Amino acid sequence: MKYKKKPVEIEAFQYDGDLMDSNGKYYVPDWAVNAFENHVMFYDSLASGFPPCELFINTLEGVHHVSVGDYIIKGIKGELYPCKPDIFEQTYELVV
């Protein structure tokens, strides 16, 4: 059997390595700020002994690492997850 994805609108932003500007002001969507402040998104280290500098997301499937350039998607039920740019661009288009 073949299936086609239902058209659905999501919210997303492309992670550039930070969530704040040099003045300490968030420049990501409010839902991302809330997720960060509620520890759904958090910084940690990939290796012990190094400062926390990698972004992670608590998803429905467990903790996922977010690479610079990945999109962070807010799903239809408010869930968050990272998506690689090539997959994102093949799956989604900008709603104007």
N, C-alpha and C. Protein backbone atom coordinates (compact mmCIF):
# COMPACT_ATOMS: atom_id res chain seq x y z
N MET A 1 0.83 -1.18 0.00
CA MET A 1 0.00 0.00 0.00
C MET A 1 0.87 1.25 0.00
N LYS A 2 0.34 2.28 -0.57
CA LYS A 2 1.02 3.58 -0.57
C LYS A 2 0.20 4.56 0.25
N TYR A 3 0.91 5.49 0.89
CA TYR A 3 0.27 6.52 1.69
C TYR A 3 0.83 7.87 1.32
N LYS A 4 0.02 8.90 1.46
CA LYS A 4 0.44 10.27 1.20
C LYS A 4 0.26 11.06 2.49
N LYS A 5 1.23 11.89 2.82
CA LYS A 5 1.15 12.71 4.02
C LYS A 5 0.04 13.73 3.87
N LYS A 6 -0.77 13.85 4.92
CA LYS A 6 -1.84 14.84 4.92
C LYS A 6 -1.23 16.24 5.00
N PRO A 7 -1.84 17.18 4.29
CA PRO A 7 -1.32 18.55 4.41
C PRO A 7 -1.57 19.08 5.82
N VAL A 8 -0.52 19.56 6.44
CA VAL A 8 -0.62 20.10 7.79
C VAL A 8 0.39 21.25 7.92
N GLU A 9 0.00 22.28 8.63
CA GLU A 9 0.91 23.40 8.87
C GLU A 9 1.61 23.18 10.20
N ILE A 10 2.90 23.43 10.21
CA ILE A 10 3.70 23.33 11.43
C ILE A 10 4.43 24.66 11.62
N GLU A 11 4.98 24.85 12.80
CA GLU A 11 5.85 25.99 13.06
C GLU A 11 7.26 25.45 13.21
N ALA A 12 8.24 26.20 12.73
CA ALA A 12 9.62 25.75 12.80
C ALA A 12 10.56 26.95 12.67
N PHE A 13 11.80 26.72 13.09
CA PHE A 13 12.86 27.68 12.84
C PHE A 13 14.15 26.90 12.66
N GLN A 14 15.09 27.51 11.93
CA GLN A 14 16.37 26.85 11.70
C GLN A 14 17.34 27.27 12.79
N TYR A 15 17.90 26.28 13.48
CA TYR A 15 18.83 26.51 14.59
C TYR A 15 20.18 26.95 14.03
N ASP A 16 20.67 28.09 14.50
CA ASP A 16 21.94 28.62 14.01
C ASP A 16 23.07 28.52 15.02
N GLY A 17 22.83 27.78 16.10
CA GLY A 17 23.87 27.61 17.12
C GLY A 17 23.58 28.35 18.40
N ASP A 18 22.52 29.17 18.41
CA ASP A 18 22.15 29.90 19.62
C ASP A 18 20.66 30.18 19.58
N LEU A 19 20.15 30.65 20.70
CA LEU A 19 18.75 31.04 20.81
C LEU A 19 18.61 32.52 21.15
N MET A 20 19.75 33.13 21.55
CA MET A 20 19.76 34.54 21.97
C MET A 20 20.79 35.32 21.17
N ASP A 21 20.55 36.63 21.09
CA ASP A 21 21.54 37.49 20.45
C ASP A 21 22.60 37.90 21.45
N SER A 22 23.54 38.72 21.04
CA SER A 22 24.65 39.11 21.91
C SER A 22 24.20 39.96 23.10
N ASN A 23 22.97 40.49 23.04
CA ASN A 23 22.43 41.27 24.15
C ASN A 23 21.60 40.41 25.11
N GLY A 24 21.58 39.11 24.88
CA GLY A 24 20.83 38.22 25.76
C GLY A 24 19.34 38.19 25.50
N LYS A 25 18.93 38.65 24.30
CA LYS A 25 17.50 38.63 23.95
C LYS A 25 17.23 37.45 23.01
N TYR A 26 16.16 36.72 23.31
CA TYR A 26 15.77 35.61 22.46
C TYR A 26 15.35 36.11 21.08
N TYR A 27 15.72 35.38 20.04
CA TYR A 27 15.28 35.72 18.68
C TYR A 27 14.61 34.52 18.01
N VAL A 28 14.15 33.59 18.82
CA VAL A 28 13.43 32.42 18.33
C VAL A 28 11.96 32.58 18.73
N PRO A 29 11.07 31.75 18.18
CA PRO A 29 9.65 31.87 18.53
C PRO A 29 9.39 31.69 20.03
N ASP A 30 8.31 32.29 20.50
CA ASP A 30 7.95 32.19 21.92
C ASP A 30 7.84 30.75 22.39
N TRP A 31 7.31 29.85 21.53
CA TRP A 31 7.17 28.45 21.95
C TRP A 31 8.52 27.81 22.18
N ALA A 32 9.55 28.26 21.46
CA ALA A 32 10.90 27.74 21.67
C ALA A 32 11.48 28.28 22.98
N VAL A 33 11.22 29.54 23.27
CA VAL A 33 11.67 30.13 24.54
C VAL A 33 11.02 29.37 25.70
N ASN A 34 9.72 29.13 25.61
CA ASN A 34 9.02 28.38 26.66
C ASN A 34 9.60 26.98 26.81
N ALA A 35 9.90 26.33 25.70
CA ALA A 35 10.47 24.98 25.75
C ALA A 35 11.85 25.01 26.42
N PHE A 36 12.64 26.05 26.14
CA PHE A 36 13.95 26.16 26.76
C PHE A 36 13.82 26.44 28.25
N GLU A 37 12.94 27.34 28.61
CA GLU A 37 12.76 27.69 30.02
C GLU A 37 12.15 26.54 30.83
N ASN A 38 11.43 25.65 30.16
CA ASN A 38 10.83 24.48 30.83
C ASN A 38 11.67 23.22 30.65
N HIS A 39 12.89 23.38 30.15
CA HIS A 39 13.87 22.29 30.01
C HIS A 39 13.44 21.20 29.03
N VAL A 40 12.57 21.54 28.09
CA VAL A 40 12.27 20.62 26.99
C VAL A 40 13.43 20.69 26.00
N MET A 41 13.95 21.90 25.79
CA MET A 41 15.19 22.10 25.04
C MET A 41 16.23 22.52 26.06
N PHE A 42 17.43 21.98 25.93
CA PHE A 42 18.45 22.30 26.92
C PHE A 42 19.84 22.11 26.31
N TYR A 43 20.81 22.80 26.91
CA TYR A 43 22.20 22.65 26.51
C TYR A 43 22.89 21.65 27.42
N ASP A 44 23.71 20.82 26.83
CA ASP A 44 24.48 19.83 27.57
C ASP A 44 25.73 19.52 26.76
N SER A 45 26.58 18.70 27.30
CA SER A 45 27.81 18.32 26.63
C SER A 45 27.66 16.92 26.04
N LEU A 46 28.28 16.70 24.89
CA LEU A 46 28.29 15.36 24.30
C LEU A 46 29.29 14.46 25.03
N ALA A 47 30.29 15.07 25.65
CA ALA A 47 31.31 14.31 26.38
C ALA A 47 31.49 14.93 27.76
N SER A 48 31.59 14.10 28.76
CA SER A 48 31.76 14.63 30.11
C SER A 48 33.07 15.39 30.21
N GLY A 49 33.07 16.41 31.03
CA GLY A 49 34.27 17.21 31.21
C GLY A 49 34.34 18.42 30.30
N PHE A 50 33.41 18.53 29.36
CA PHE A 50 33.38 19.68 28.47
C PHE A 50 32.19 20.55 28.84
N PRO A 51 32.28 21.86 28.60
CA PRO A 51 31.16 22.74 28.95
C PRO A 51 29.92 22.40 28.11
N PRO A 52 28.75 22.64 28.67
CA PRO A 52 27.53 22.37 27.89
C PRO A 52 27.40 23.34 26.72
N CYS A 53 27.49 22.82 25.52
CA CYS A 53 27.43 23.69 24.36
C CYS A 53 26.60 23.09 23.22
N GLU A 54 26.02 21.94 23.43
CA GLU A 54 25.20 21.29 22.41
C GLU A 54 23.74 21.36 22.83
N LEU A 55 22.86 21.60 21.86
CA LEU A 55 21.44 21.68 22.14
C LEU A 55 20.79 20.31 22.00
N PHE A 56 19.89 20.00 22.93
CA PHE A 56 19.14 18.75 22.92
C PHE A 56 17.67 19.07 23.12
N ILE A 57 16.82 18.15 22.65
CA ILE A 57 15.38 18.28 22.83
C ILE A 57 14.84 16.99 23.42
N ASN A 58 14.03 17.12 24.47
CA ASN A 58 13.28 15.98 24.98
C ASN A 58 12.09 15.79 24.05
N THR A 59 12.11 14.72 23.26
CA THR A 59 11.01 14.44 22.32
C THR A 59 10.16 13.30 22.85
N LEU A 60 9.12 12.98 22.14
CA LEU A 60 8.27 11.84 22.52
C LEU A 60 9.04 10.53 22.42
N GLU A 61 10.09 10.49 21.60
CA GLU A 61 10.90 9.28 21.42
C GLU A 61 12.17 9.28 22.25
N GLY A 62 12.37 10.28 23.10
CA GLY A 62 13.59 10.37 23.90
C GLY A 62 14.34 11.65 23.59
N VAL A 63 15.57 11.74 24.08
CA VAL A 63 16.38 12.94 23.91
C VAL A 63 17.07 12.90 22.55
N HIS A 64 16.97 14.00 21.80
CA HIS A 64 17.60 14.11 20.49
C HIS A 64 18.55 15.30 20.46
N HIS A 65 19.70 15.10 19.84
CA HIS A 65 20.69 16.16 19.65
C HIS A 65 20.27 17.03 18.47
N VAL A 66 20.48 18.34 18.60
CA VAL A 66 20.18 19.29 17.53
C VAL A 66 21.51 19.82 17.00
N SER A 67 21.75 19.63 15.72
CA SER A 67 22.96 20.17 15.08
C SER A 67 22.67 21.56 14.53
N VAL A 68 23.70 22.37 14.44
CA VAL A 68 23.56 23.68 13.80
C VAL A 68 23.07 23.44 12.38
N GLY A 69 22.05 24.18 11.98
CA GLY A 69 21.46 24.02 10.65
C GLY A 69 20.19 23.19 10.66
N ASP A 70 19.98 22.38 11.69
CA ASP A 70 18.75 21.61 11.80
C ASP A 70 17.57 22.56 12.01
N TYR A 71 16.41 22.11 11.59
CA TYR A 71 15.18 22.83 11.90
C TYR A 71 14.61 22.24 13.18
N ILE A 72 14.05 23.10 14.01
CA ILE A 72 13.33 22.65 15.19
C ILE A 72 11.86 22.86 14.88
N ILE A 73 11.12 21.77 14.92
CA ILE A 73 9.71 21.77 14.51
C ILE A 73 8.82 21.63 15.72
N LYS A 74 7.75 22.41 15.71
CA LYS A 74 6.68 22.26 16.70
C LYS A 74 5.56 21.53 15.97
N GLY A 75 5.28 20.30 16.37
CA GLY A 75 4.27 19.49 15.71
C GLY A 75 2.85 19.93 16.01
N ILE A 76 1.91 19.23 15.43
CA ILE A 76 0.50 19.62 15.53
C ILE A 76 -0.06 19.47 16.94
N LYS A 77 0.59 18.68 17.78
CA LYS A 77 0.15 18.53 19.17
C LYS A 77 1.07 19.24 20.15
N GLY A 78 1.95 20.13 19.61
CA GLY A 78 2.84 20.90 20.46
C GLY A 78 4.16 20.22 20.74
N GLU A 79 4.36 19.02 20.22
CA GLU A 79 5.61 18.30 20.45
C GLU A 79 6.73 18.93 19.63
N LEU A 80 7.96 18.84 20.14
CA LEU A 80 9.12 19.41 19.46
C LEU A 80 10.05 18.31 19.01
N TYR A 81 10.68 18.52 17.88
CA TYR A 81 11.69 17.58 17.41
C TYR A 81 12.57 18.25 16.36
N PRO A 82 13.83 17.79 16.26
CA PRO A 82 14.73 18.34 15.24
C PRO A 82 14.52 17.62 13.91
N CYS A 83 14.88 18.32 12.84
CA CYS A 83 14.77 17.75 11.50
C CYS A 83 15.95 18.24 10.67
N LYS A 84 16.63 17.33 10.00
CA LYS A 84 17.76 17.71 9.14
C LYS A 84 17.27 18.60 8.00
N PRO A 85 18.08 19.57 7.58
CA PRO A 85 17.65 20.53 6.56
C PRO A 85 17.19 19.89 5.25
N ASP A 86 17.87 18.87 4.78
CA ASP A 86 17.48 18.27 3.50
C ASP A 86 16.10 17.62 3.60
N ILE A 87 15.82 16.94 4.70
CA ILE A 87 14.51 16.32 4.90
C ILE A 87 13.44 17.41 5.05
N PHE A 88 13.75 18.45 5.82
CA PHE A 88 12.80 19.54 6.03
C PHE A 88 12.42 20.17 4.69
N GLU A 89 13.42 20.47 3.88
CA GLU A 89 13.16 21.15 2.61
C GLU A 89 12.42 20.26 1.61
N GLN A 90 12.55 18.94 1.72
CA GLN A 90 11.81 18.03 0.85
C GLN A 90 10.37 17.83 1.34
N THR A 91 10.13 18.09 2.63
CA THR A 91 8.84 17.80 3.23
C THR A 91 7.96 19.03 3.38
N TYR A 92 8.55 20.19 3.64
CA TYR A 92 7.78 21.39 3.97
C TYR A 92 8.07 22.51 2.99
N GLU A 93 7.10 23.40 2.86
CA GLU A 93 7.30 24.63 2.10
C GLU A 93 6.73 25.78 2.94
N LEU A 94 7.28 26.96 2.73
CA LEU A 94 6.88 28.13 3.50
C LEU A 94 5.45 28.53 3.16
N VAL A 95 4.64 28.78 4.20
CA VAL A 95 3.28 29.28 4.04
C VAL A 95 3.35 30.80 4.11
N VAL A 96 2.80 31.44 3.12
CA VAL A 96 2.87 32.90 3.08
C VAL A 96 1.56 33.51 3.51
